[in-house]
C-alpha atoms as a PDB file:
ATOM      1  CA  MET A   1       2.468  22.498  35.022  1.00  0.00           C
ATOM      2  CA  ALA A   2       5.142  20.763  32.938  1.00  0.00           C
ATOM      3  CA  GLN A   3       6.634  19.186  36.061  1.00  0.00           C
ATOM      4  CA  ASP A   4       3.195  17.893  37.089  1.00  0.00           C
ATOM      5  CA  THR A   5       2.750  16.284  33.663  1.00  0.00           C
ATOM      6  CA  ARG A   6       6.257  14.813  33.842  1.00  0.00           C
ATOM      7  CA  THR A   7       5.640  13.409  37.327  1.00  0.00           C
ATOM      8  CA  ASN A   8       2.266  12.042  36.261  1.00  0.00           C
ATOM      9  CA  LEU A   9       3.868  10.314  33.274  1.00  0.00           C
ATOM     10  CA  LEU A  10       6.583   8.846  35.496  1.00  0.00           C
ATOM     11  CA  ASP A  11       3.944   7.576  37.924  1.00  0.00           C
ATOM     12  CA  ILE A  12       1.923   5.952  35.138  1.00  0.00           C
ATOM     13  CA  ALA A  13       5.018   4.456  33.507  1.00  0.00           C
ATOM     14  CA  GLU A  14       6.320   3.096  36.807  1.00  0.00           C
ATOM     15  CA  THR A  15       3.004   1.416  37.567  1.00  0.00           C
ATOM     16  CA  ALA A  16       2.956  -0.099  34.077  1.00  0.00           C
ATOM     17  CA  ALA A  17       6.579  -1.256  34.254  1.00  0.00           C
ATOM     18  CA  ARG A  18       6.183  -2.735  37.725  1.00  0.00           C
ATOM     19  CA  SER A  19       3.056  -4.659  36.767  1.00  0.00           C
ATOM     20  CA  ARG A  20       3.788  -5.581  33.120  1.00  0.00           C
ATOM     21  CA  GLY A  21       7.554  -5.094  32.713  1.00  0.00           C
ATOM     22  CA  PHE A  22       9.463  -2.750  30.419  1.00  0.00           C
ATOM     23  CA  ASP A  23       8.219  -4.504  27.284  1.00  0.00           C
ATOM     24  CA  GLY A  24       4.633  -4.541  28.553  1.00  0.00           C
ATOM     25  CA  PHE A  25       3.766  -0.906  27.902  1.00  0.00           C
ATOM     26  CA  SER A  26       4.123   1.649  25.137  1.00  0.00           C
ATOM     27  CA  TYR A  27       3.787   5.381  24.678  1.00  0.00           C
ATOM     28  CA  ALA A  28       0.305   4.676  23.306  1.00  0.00           C
ATOM     29  CA  ASP A  29      -0.558   3.096  26.670  1.00  0.00           C
ATOM     30  CA  LEU A  30       0.848   6.123  28.495  1.00  0.00           C
ATOM     31  CA  ALA A  31      -1.106   8.479  26.236  1.00  0.00           C
ATOM     32  CA  GLU A  32      -4.341   6.629  26.932  1.00  0.00           C
ATOM     33  CA  ALA A  33      -3.741   6.481  30.703  1.00  0.00           C
ATOM     34  CA  SER A  34      -2.649  10.119  30.987  1.00  0.00           C
ATOM     35  CA  GLY A  35      -5.123  11.591  28.548  1.00  0.00           C
ATOM     36  CA  ILE A  36      -2.422  13.367  26.576  1.00  0.00           C
ATOM     37  CA  ARG A  37      -1.100  12.799  23.072  1.00  0.00           C
ATOM     38  CA  LYS A  38       1.965  10.662  22.337  1.00  0.00           C
ATOM     39  CA  ALA A  39       3.690  13.766  20.944  1.00  0.00           C
ATOM     40  CA  SER A  40       3.330  15.414  24.359  1.00  0.00           C
ATOM     41  CA  ILE A  41       4.914  12.379  26.013  1.00  0.00           C
ATOM     42  CA  HIS A  42       7.836  12.639  23.603  1.00  0.00           C
ATOM     43  CA  TYR A  43       8.227  16.289  24.653  1.00  0.00           C
ATOM     44  CA  HIS A  44       8.929  15.123  28.229  1.00  0.00           C
ATOM     45  CA  PHE A  45      10.725  11.875  27.362  1.00  0.00           C
ATOM     46  CA  ALA A  46      12.095  11.758  23.823  1.00  0.00           C
ATOM     47  CA  THR A  47      12.438   7.968  23.885  1.00  0.00           C
ATOM     48  CA  LYS A  48      11.450   5.053  26.066  1.00  0.00           C
ATOM     49  CA  ALA A  49      15.148   4.747  26.980  1.00  0.00           C
ATOM     50  CA  VAL A  50      15.095   8.309  28.365  1.00  0.00           C
ATOM     51  CA  LEU A  51      11.883   7.522  30.232  1.00  0.00           C
ATOM     52  CA  SER A  52      13.269   4.312  31.731  1.00  0.00           C
ATOM     53  CA  ALA A  53      16.486   6.094  32.795  1.00  0.00           C
ATOM     54  CA  ALA A  54      14.391   8.749  34.541  1.00  0.00           C
ATOM     55  CA  LEU A  55      12.355   6.013  36.223  1.00  0.00           C
ATOM     56  CA  MET A  56      15.505   4.311  37.526  1.00  0.00           C
ATOM     57  CA  ASP A  57      16.920   7.610  38.795  1.00  0.00           C
ATOM     58  CA  ARG A  58      13.724   8.373  40.671  1.00  0.00           C
ATOM     59  CA  TYR A  59      13.438   4.811  41.997  1.00  0.00           C
ATOM     60  CA  HIS A  60      17.070   4.804  43.153  1.00  0.00           C
ATOM     61  CA  ALA A  61      16.579   8.064  45.063  1.00  0.00           C
ATOM     62  CA  SER A  62      13.307   6.844  46.561  1.00  0.00           C
ATOM     63  CA  VAL A  63      14.709   3.533  47.805  1.00  0.00           C
ATOM     64  CA  GLU A  64      17.873   5.216  49.075  1.00  0.00           C
ATOM     65  CA  GLN A  65      15.638   7.553  51.098  1.00  0.00           C
ATOM     66  CA  ALA A  66      13.619   4.585  52.372  1.00  0.00           C
ATOM     67  CA  CYS A  67      16.863   2.978  53.584  1.00  0.00           C
ATOM     68  CA  ALA A  68      17.865   6.223  55.321  1.00  0.00           C
ATOM     69  CA  ASP A  69      14.425   6.327  56.960  1.00  0.00           C
ATOM     70  CA  ILE A  70      14.860   2.737  58.160  1.00  0.00           C
ATOM     71  CA  GLU A  71      18.196   3.710  59.724  1.00  0.00           C
ATOM     72  CA  ALA A  72      16.656   6.752  61.395  1.00  0.00           C
ATOM     73  CA  ILE A  73      13.778   4.755  62.867  1.00  0.00           C
ATOM     74  CA  HIS A  74      15.570   1.531  63.843  1.00  0.00           C
ATOM     75  CA  GLN A  75      18.694   1.396  65.973  1.00  0.00           C
ATOM     76  CA  TYR A  76      19.303  -2.359  65.796  1.00  0.00           C
ATOM     77  CA  ALA A  77      20.314  -4.390  62.754  1.00  0.00           C
ATOM     78  CA  ALA A  78      17.589  -7.004  63.227  1.00  0.00           C
ATOM     79  CA  ASP A  79      14.903  -4.312  63.221  1.00  0.00           C
ATOM     80  CA  ARG A  80      16.428  -2.783  60.086  1.00  0.00           C
ATOM     81  CA  LEU A  81      16.409  -6.177  58.370  1.00  0.00           C
ATOM     82  CA  VAL A  82      12.752  -6.731  59.269  1.00  0.00           C
ATOM     83  CA  ALA A  83      11.942  -3.229  57.963  1.00  0.00           C
ATOM     84  CA  LEU A  84      13.825  -3.895  54.710  1.00  0.00           C
ATOM     85  CA  VAL A  85      11.992  -7.176  54.129  1.00  0.00           C
ATOM     86  CA  SER A  86       8.713  -5.401  54.897  1.00  0.00           C
ATOM     87  CA  PHE A  87       9.602  -2.621  52.443  1.00  0.00           C
ATOM     88  CA  TYR A  88      10.180  -5.172  49.670  1.00  0.00           C
ATOM     89  CA  ARG A  89       7.013  -7.060  50.610  1.00  0.00           C
ATOM     90  CA  ASN A  90       4.939  -3.890  50.469  1.00  0.00           C
ATOM     91  CA  ALA A  91       6.312  -3.134  46.996  1.00  0.00           C
ATOM     92  CA  LEU A  92       4.566  -6.257  45.702  1.00  0.00           C
ATOM     93  CA  GLY A  93       1.109  -4.734  45.657  1.00  0.00           C
ATOM     94  CA  GLY A  94      -0.423  -8.035  46.726  1.00  0.00           C
ATOM     95  CA  GLY A  95       1.657  -9.951  44.183  1.00  0.00           C
ATOM     96  CA  GLU A  96       0.558  -7.775  41.257  1.00  0.00           C
ATOM     97  CA  THR A  97       3.741  -5.667  40.965  1.00  0.00           C
ATOM     98  CA  LEU A  98       7.495  -6.044  41.254  1.00  0.00           C
ATOM     99  CA  CYS A  99      10.146  -3.663  42.447  1.00  0.00           C
ATOM    100  CA  LEU A 100      11.207  -1.580  39.461  1.00  0.00           C
ATOM    101  CA  CYS A 101      14.747  -2.988  39.377  1.00  0.00           C
ATOM    102  CA  VAL A 102      13.449  -6.571  39.127  1.00  0.00           C
ATOM    103  CA  ALA A 103      10.798  -5.571  36.576  1.00  0.00           C
ATOM    104  CA  PHE A 104      13.436  -3.943  34.377  1.00  0.00           C
ATOM    105  CA  THR A 105      15.937  -6.759  34.829  1.00  0.00           C
ATOM    106  CA  ILE A 106      13.424  -9.216  33.394  1.00  0.00           C
ATOM    107  CA  SER A 107      13.518  -7.172  30.163  1.00  0.00           C
ATOM    108  CA  ARG A 108      17.267  -6.551  30.288  1.00  0.00           C
ATOM    109  CA  ASP A 109      17.838  -7.251  26.596  1.00  0.00           C
ATOM    110  CA  SER A 110      15.370  -4.503  25.648  1.00  0.00           C
ATOM    111  CA  LEU A 111      16.988  -1.856  27.858  1.00  0.00           C
ATOM    112  CA  ALA A 112      19.412   0.854  26.819  1.00  0.00           C
ATOM    113  CA  ASP A 113      22.965   0.501  28.135  1.00  0.00           C
ATOM    114  CA  GLU A 114      22.443   3.585  30.320  1.00  0.00           C
ATOM    115  CA  VAL A 115      19.501   1.920  32.055  1.00  0.00           C
ATOM    116  CA  LYS A 116      21.436  -1.313  32.526  1.00  0.00           C
ATOM    117  CA  ALA A 117      24.181   0.721  34.185  1.00  0.00           C
ATOM    118  CA  LYS A 118      21.602   2.360  36.452  1.00  0.00           C
ATOM    119  CA  ILE A 119      20.342  -1.076  37.521  1.00  0.00           C
ATOM    120  CA  VAL A 120      23.914  -2.092  38.382  1.00  0.00           C
ATOM    121  CA  ALA A 121      24.351   1.153  40.349  1.00  0.00           C
ATOM    122  CA  PHE A 122      21.066   0.581  42.187  1.00  0.00           C
ATOM    123  CA  ARG A 123      22.051  -2.962  43.136  1.00  0.00           C
ATOM    124  CA  ALA A 124      25.475  -1.729  44.284  1.00  0.00           C
ATOM    125  CA  MET A 125      23.792   0.869  46.500  1.00  0.00           C
ATOM    126  CA  MET A 126      21.544  -1.804  47.985  1.00  0.00           C
ATOM    127  CA  THR A 127      24.342  -4.309  48.630  1.00  0.00           C
ATOM    128  CA  THR A 128      26.440  -1.566  50.254  1.00  0.00           C
ATOM    129  CA  TRP A 129      23.538  -0.645  52.519  1.00  0.00           C
ATOM    130  CA  ILE A 130      22.744  -4.263  53.379  1.00  0.00           C
ATOM    131  CA  THR A 131      26.449  -4.936  54.016  1.00  0.00           C
ATOM    132  CA  ALA A 132      26.434  -2.118  56.578  1.00  0.00           C
ATOM    133  CA  LEU A 133      23.305  -3.631  58.103  1.00  0.00           C
ATOM    134  CA  PHE A 134      25.069  -6.989  58.566  1.00  0.00           C
ATOM    135  CA  GLU A 135      28.198  -5.277  59.902  1.00  0.00           C
ATOM    136  CA  LEU A 136      25.974  -3.609  62.494  1.00  0.00           C
ATOM    137  CA  GLY A 137      24.383  -6.991  63.166  1.00  0.00           C
ATOM    138  CA  LYS A 138      27.801  -8.438  63.980  1.00  0.00           C
ATOM    139  CA  GLN A 139      28.420  -5.560  66.373  1.00  0.00           C
ATOM    140  CA  ASP A 140      25.057  -5.435  68.108  1.00  0.00           C
ATOM    141  CA  GLY A 141      24.465  -9.206  68.047  1.00  0.00           C
ATOM    142  CA  THR A 142      20.842  -8.923  66.915  1.00  0.00           C
ATOM    143  CA  ILE A 143      21.279 -11.110  63.803  1.00  0.00           C
ATOM    144  CA  SER A 144      22.651 -14.610  64.251  1.00  0.00           C
ATOM    145  CA  ALA A 145      25.403 -16.415  62.358  1.00  0.00           C
ATOM    146  CA  ILE A 146      26.869 -13.551  60.327  1.00  0.00           C
ATOM    147  CA  SER A 147      30.093 -14.727  58.732  1.00  0.00           C
ATOM    148  CA  ALA A 148      30.809 -12.306  55.878  1.00  0.00           C
ATOM    149  CA  PRO A 149      28.617  -9.178  55.722  1.00  0.00           C
ATOM    150  CA  ASP A 150      29.340  -8.535  52.026  1.00  0.00           C
ATOM    151  CA  ALA A 151      28.399 -12.092  51.027  1.00  0.00           C
ATOM    152  CA  GLU A 152      25.338 -11.897  53.293  1.00  0.00           C
ATOM    153  CA  ALA A 153      24.292  -8.683  51.529  1.00  0.00           C
ATOM    154  CA  HIS A 154      24.483 -10.228  48.066  1.00  0.00           C
ATOM    155  CA  ALA A 155      22.567 -13.302  49.231  1.00  0.00           C
ATOM    156  CA  THR A 156      19.936 -11.150  50.954  1.00  0.00           C
ATOM    157  CA  LEU A 157      19.347  -8.980  47.897  1.00  0.00           C
ATOM    158  CA  ALA A 158      19.084 -12.105  45.714  1.00  0.00           C
ATOM    159  CA  THR A 159      16.621 -13.604  48.196  1.00  0.00           C
ATOM    160  CA  LEU A 160      14.460 -10.460  48.184  1.00  0.00           C
ATOM    161  CA  GLU A 161      14.489 -10.226  44.397  1.00  0.00           C
ATOM    162  CA  GLY A 162      13.770 -13.935  43.990  1.00  0.00           C
ATOM    163  CA  ALA A 163      10.980 -13.711  46.545  1.00  0.00           C
ATOM    164  CA  HIS A 164       9.500 -10.901  44.450  1.00  0.00           C
ATOM    165  CA  LEU A 165       9.508 -13.094  41.372  1.00  0.00           C
ATOM    166  CA  ALA A 166       7.960 -16.014  43.251  1.00  0.00           C
ATOM    167  CA  ALA A 167       5.174 -13.872  44.716  1.00  0.00           C
ATOM    168  CA  HIS A 168       4.527 -12.247  41.346  1.00  0.00           C
ATOM    169  CA  ALA A 169       4.418 -15.603  39.566  1.00  0.00           C
ATOM    170  CA  GLU A 170       1.929 -16.970  42.076  1.00  0.00           C
ATOM    171  CA  GLN A 171       0.202 -13.604  42.659  1.00  0.00           C
ATOM    172  CA  ASP A 172       0.392 -14.502  46.317  1.00  0.00           C
ATOM    173  CA  LEU A 173       2.303 -12.789  49.115  1.00  0.00           C
ATOM    174  CA  ALA A 174       2.627 -16.158  50.873  1.00  0.00           C
ATOM    175  CA  ALA A 175       5.313 -17.085  48.342  1.00  0.00           C
ATOM    176  CA  PHE A 176       7.330 -14.014  49.388  1.00  0.00           C
ATOM    177  CA  ASP A 177       6.835 -14.857  53.053  1.00  0.00           C
ATOM    178  CA  LYS A 178       8.008 -18.446  52.547  1.00  0.00           C
ATOM    179  CA  ALA A 179      11.102 -17.275  50.660  1.00  0.00           C
ATOM    180  CA  THR A 180      12.106 -14.773  53.365  1.00  0.00           C
ATOM    181  CA  LYS A 181      11.166 -16.854  56.412  1.00  0.00           C
ATOM    182  CA  LEU A 182      14.672 -18.190  57.104  1.00  0.00           C
ATOM    183  CA  LEU A 183      16.214 -14.760  56.587  1.00  0.00           C
ATOM    184  CA  LEU A 184      13.860 -13.237  59.145  1.00  0.00           C
ATOM    185  CA  ALA A 185      14.381 -16.111  61.583  1.00  0.00           C
ATOM    186  CA  ARG A 186      18.015 -15.088  61.971  1.00  0.00           C
END
């Protein structure tokens, strides 16, 4: 039962963080949404820093698995790139939510150092994966004009994150689509 409560709290906190940012929710909000007392939340997550670290760990594992699934399903780099862009687009919830890493980065100054380090680790995992995608693209020829896979990976991640912010600001997926159009055209 404790694990179910913990998972439920993580789910509620992730939804809140992705829609309102780290600073946009409190333990009082979690208590109201979960129907349990704040003291019970503190039993599972002593502080908001502990909660946010647990959220980043879970998010990192989830996205890493999504990338592995993309690799398992798609043989060619271009198909993997389309799937990655689609994954990020789907995370927008119609423009109402952001990926957790972007949502936390917006509130960077409020985050514990451990959580900041987890964001850096997450971004490193993503750029490594995207670098491999562009290396495959050079080999299989399905993505045009690849010059430096590592630089392409950093630019792609920045494009996806920026497209998230644009779509969230406008609450419109069209902003995401416009921002990723050139990337997908390659």
